[in-house]
Amino acid sequence: MLVKRGIKPEELPVAEDIKKIERPVAGDEKKIEKDTNKLPKTKE
């Protein structure tokens, strides 16, 4: 199906390694959690 559309998998650009992408995202998530003000707990 890809060949019919003119796409050859061996000619596609190399994607970034998933681990390289996960590290900065995890760091950003931790920073956001730290910088975000916590909501006060409410009693029900």
PDB file of N, CA and C in Angstrom:
ATOM      1  N   MET A   1       0.832  -1.188   0.000  1.00  0.00           N
ATOM      2  CA  MET A   1       0.000   0.000   0.000  1.00  0.00           C
ATOM      3  C   MET A   1       0.877   1.252   0.000  1.00  0.00           C
ATOM      4  N   LEU A   2       1.934   1.245   0.796  1.00  0.00           N
ATOM      5  CA  LEU A   2       2.816   2.405   0.825  1.00  0.00           C
ATOM      6  C   LEU A   2       3.487   2.623  -0.523  1.00  0.00           C
ATOM      7  N   VAL A   3       3.925   1.549  -1.150  1.00  0.00           N
ATOM      8  CA  VAL A   3       4.608   1.642  -2.436  1.00  0.00           C
ATOM      9  C   VAL A   3       3.661   2.214  -3.493  1.00  0.00           C
ATOM     10  N   LYS A   4       2.393   1.846  -3.434  1.00  0.00           N
ATOM     11  CA  LYS A   4       1.411   2.388  -4.385  1.00  0.00           C
ATOM     12  C   LYS A   4       1.313   3.904  -4.268  1.00  0.00           C
ATOM     13  N   ARG A   5       1.544   4.424  -3.061  1.00  0.00           N
ATOM     14  CA  ARG A   5       1.473   5.871  -2.830  1.00  0.00           C
ATOM     15  C   ARG A   5       2.820   6.557  -3.038  1.00  0.00           C
ATOM     16  N   GLY A   6       3.826   5.786  -3.398  1.00  0.00           N
ATOM     17  CA  GLY A   6       5.140   6.361  -3.651  1.00  0.00           C
ATOM     18  C   GLY A   6       5.975   6.541  -2.396  1.00  0.00           C
ATOM     19  N   ILE A   7       5.594   5.852  -1.307  1.00  0.00           N
ATOM     20  CA  ILE A   7       6.330   5.952  -0.044  1.00  0.00           C
ATOM     21  C   ILE A   7       7.147   4.688   0.132  1.00  0.00           C
ATOM     22  N   LYS A   8       8.442   4.849   0.267  1.00  0.00           N
ATOM     23  CA  LYS A   8       9.316   3.703   0.488  1.00  0.00           C
ATOM     24  C   LYS A   8       9.860   3.792   1.910  1.00  0.00           C
ATOM     25  N   PRO A   9       9.497   2.846   2.775  1.00  0.00           N
ATOM     26  CA  PRO A   9       9.915   2.906   4.186  1.00  0.00           C
ATOM     27  C   PRO A   9      11.413   3.064   4.375  1.00  0.00           C
ATOM     28  N   GLU A  10      12.212   2.446   3.520  1.00  0.00           N
ATOM     29  CA  GLU A  10      13.667   2.547   3.686  1.00  0.00           C
ATOM     30  C   GLU A  10      14.184   3.936   3.355  1.00  0.00           C
ATOM     31  N   GLU A  11      13.353   4.789   2.750  1.00  0.00           N
ATOM     32  CA  GLU A  11      13.773   6.146   2.419  1.00  0.00           C
ATOM     33  C   GLU A  11      13.200   7.197   3.373  1.00  0.00           C
ATOM     34  N   LEU A  12      12.410   6.759   4.344  1.00  0.00           N
ATOM     35  CA  LEU A  12      11.835   7.708   5.313  1.00  0.00           C
ATOM     36  C   LEU A  12      12.928   8.212   6.254  1.00  0.00           C
ATOM     37  N   PRO A  13      12.807   9.464   6.724  1.00  0.00           N
ATOM     38  CA  PRO A  13      13.805   9.972   7.666  1.00  0.00           C
ATOM     39  C   PRO A  13      13.737   9.221   8.993  1.00  0.00           C
ATOM     40  N   VAL A  14      14.850   9.140   9.665  1.00  0.00           N
ATOM     41  CA  VAL A  14      14.924   8.446  10.943  1.00  0.00           C
ATOM     42  C   VAL A  14      14.208   9.284  12.000  1.00  0.00           C
ATOM     43  N   ALA A  15      13.325   8.642  12.735  1.00  0.00           N
ATOM     44  CA  ALA A  15      12.605   9.325  13.815  1.00  0.00           C
ATOM     45  C   ALA A  15      13.502   9.385  15.044  1.00  0.00           C
ATOM     46  N   GLU A  16      13.240  10.379  15.893  1.00  0.00           N
ATOM     47  CA  GLU A  16      14.016  10.487  17.129  1.00  0.00           C
ATOM     48  C   GLU A  16      13.709   9.312  18.041  1.00  0.00           C
ATOM     49  N   ASP A  17      14.698   8.908  18.786  1.00  0.00           N
ATOM     50  CA  ASP A  17      14.525   7.822  19.738  1.00  0.00           C
ATOM     51  C   ASP A  17      13.519   8.255  20.800  1.00  0.00           C
ATOM     52  N   ILE A  18      12.593   7.384  21.138  1.00  0.00           N
ATOM     53  CA  ILE A  18      11.538   7.707  22.099  1.00  0.00           C
ATOM     54  C   ILE A  18      12.105   8.095  23.460  1.00  0.00           C
ATOM     55  N   LYS A  19      13.204   7.488  23.879  1.00  0.00           N
ATOM     56  CA  LYS A  19      13.801   7.811  25.174  1.00  0.00           C
ATOM     57  C   LYS A  19      14.320   9.252  25.179  1.00  0.00           C
ATOM     58  N   LYS A  20      14.852   9.715  24.059  1.00  0.00           N
ATOM     59  CA  LYS A  20      15.345  11.095  23.969  1.00  0.00           C
ATOM     60  C   LYS A  20      14.207  12.089  24.125  1.00  0.00           C
ATOM     61  N   ILE A  21      13.030  11.701  23.687  1.00  0.00           N
ATOM     62  CA  ILE A  21      11.869  12.586  23.771  1.00  0.00           C
ATOM     63  C   ILE A  21      11.240  12.519  25.156  1.00  0.00           C
ATOM     64  N   GLU A  22      11.215  11.337  25.763  1.00  0.00           N
ATOM     65  CA  GLU A  22      10.568  11.170  27.063  1.00  0.00           C
ATOM     66  C   GLU A  22      11.280  11.926  28.176  1.00  0.00           C
ATOM     67  N   ARG A  23      12.603  11.983  28.143  1.00  0.00           N
ATOM     68  CA  ARG A  23      13.350  12.625  29.231  1.00  0.00           C
ATOM     69  C   ARG A  23      12.983  14.099  29.409  1.00  0.00           C
ATOM     70  N   PRO A  24      13.059  14.931  28.363  1.00  0.00           N
ATOM     71  CA  PRO A  24      12.705  16.334  28.577  1.00  0.00           C
ATOM     72  C   PRO A  24      11.237  16.527  28.948  1.00  0.00           C
ATOM     73  N   VAL A  25      10.364  15.686  28.414  1.00  0.00           N
ATOM     74  CA  VAL A  25       8.945  15.799  28.738  1.00  0.00           C
ATOM     75  C   VAL A  25       8.722  15.503  30.217  1.00  0.00           C
ATOM     76  N   ALA A  26       9.365  14.475  30.729  1.00  0.00           N
ATOM     77  CA  ALA A  26       9.224  14.125  32.148  1.00  0.00           C
ATOM     78  C   ALA A  26       9.755  15.258  33.016  1.00  0.00           C
ATOM     79  N   GLY A  27      10.863  15.852  32.620  1.00  0.00           N
ATOM     80  CA  GLY A  27      11.424  16.974  33.373  1.00  0.00           C
ATOM     81  C   GLY A  27      10.487  18.177  33.368  1.00  0.00           C
ATOM     82  N   ASP A  28       9.880  18.443  32.213  1.00  0.00           N
ATOM     83  CA  ASP A  28       8.928  19.547  32.121  1.00  0.00           C
ATOM     84  C   ASP A  28       7.709  19.298  32.999  1.00  0.00           C
ATOM     85  N   GLU A  29       7.235  18.059  33.040  1.00  0.00           N
ATOM     86  CA  GLU A  29       6.077  17.734  33.876  1.00  0.00           C
ATOM     87  C   GLU A  29       6.384  17.971  35.350  1.00  0.00           C
ATOM     88  N   LYS A  30       7.559  17.559  35.792  1.00  0.00           N
ATOM     89  CA  LYS A  30       7.940  17.761  37.187  1.00  0.00           C
ATOM     90  C   LYS A  30       8.039  19.247  37.500  1.00  0.00           C
ATOM     91  N   LYS A  31       8.589  20.019  36.575  1.00  0.00           N
ATOM     92  CA  LYS A  31       8.732  21.459  36.787  1.00  0.00           C
ATOM     93  C   LYS A  31       7.359  22.124  36.875  1.00  0.00           C
ATOM     94  N   ILE A  32       6.445  21.712  36.016  1.00  0.00           N
ATOM     95  CA  ILE A  32       5.096  22.274  36.035  1.00  0.00           C
ATOM     96  C   ILE A  32       4.404  21.946  37.356  1.00  0.00           C
ATOM     97  N   GLU A  33       4.536  20.702  37.805  1.00  0.00           N
ATOM     98  CA  GLU A  33       3.929  20.313  39.076  1.00  0.00           C
ATOM     99  C   GLU A  33       4.491  21.134  40.222  1.00  0.00           C
ATOM    100  N   LYS A  34       5.782  21.376  40.193  1.00  0.00           N
ATOM    101  CA  LYS A  34       6.435  22.123  41.268  1.00  0.00           C
ATOM    102  C   LYS A  34       5.999  23.588  41.257  1.00  0.00           C
ATOM    103  N   ASP A  35       5.887  24.171  40.065  1.00  0.00           N
ATOM    104  CA  ASP A  35       5.562  25.589  39.935  1.00  0.00           C
ATOM    105  C   ASP A  35       4.075  25.890  40.094  1.00  0.00           C
ATOM    106  N   THR A  36       3.240  24.873  39.950  1.00  0.00           N
ATOM    107  CA  THR A  36       1.799  25.075  40.040  1.00  0.00           C
ATOM    108  C   THR A  36       1.377  25.135  41.502  1.00  0.00           C
ATOM    109  N   ASN A  37       0.549  26.100  41.811  1.00  0.00           N
ATOM    110  CA  ASN A  37       0.024  26.196  43.172  1.00  0.00           C
ATOM    111  C   ASN A  37      -0.957  25.056  43.398  1.00  0.00           C
ATOM    112  N   LYS A  38      -0.844  24.457  44.547  1.00  0.00           N
ATOM    113  CA  LYS A  38      -1.740  23.355  44.892  1.00  0.00           C
ATOM    114  C   LYS A  38      -3.085  23.928  45.332  1.00  0.00           C
ATOM    115  N   LEU A  39      -4.143  23.231  44.961  1.00  0.00           N
ATOM    116  CA  LEU A  39      -5.469  23.656  45.390  1.00  0.00           C
ATOM    117  C   LEU A  39      -5.648  23.248  46.845  1.00  0.00           C
ATOM    118  N   PRO A  40      -6.318  24.079  47.616  1.00  0.00           N
ATOM    119  CA  PRO A  40      -6.547  23.703  49.025  1.00  0.00           C
ATOM    120  C   PRO A  40      -7.503  22.517  49.102  1.00  0.00           C
ATOM    121  N   LYS A  41      -7.259  21.655  50.071  1.00  0.00           N
ATOM    122  CA  LYS A  41      -8.132  20.503  50.261  1.00  0.00           C
ATOM    123  C   LYS A  41      -9.422  20.976  50.918  1.00  0.00           C
ATOM    124  N   THR A  42     -10.529  20.448  50.438  1.00  0.00           N
ATOM    125  CA  THR A  42     -11.817  20.834  51.001  1.00  0.00           C
ATOM    126  C   THR A  42     -12.379  19.690  51.826  1.00  0.00           C
ATOM    127  N   LYS A  43     -13.072  20.020  52.874  1.00  0.00           N
ATOM    128  CA  LYS A  43     -13.713  19.006  53.698  1.00  0.00           C
ATOM    129  C   LYS A  43     -15.118  18.787  53.165  1.00  0.00           C
ATOM    130  N   GLU A  44     -15.492  17.530  53.064  1.00  0.00           N
ATOM    131  CA  GLU A  44     -16.828  17.222  52.529  1.00  0.00           C
ATOM    132  C   GLU A  44     -17.823  17.032  53.618  1.00  0.00           C
TER     133      GLU A  44
END
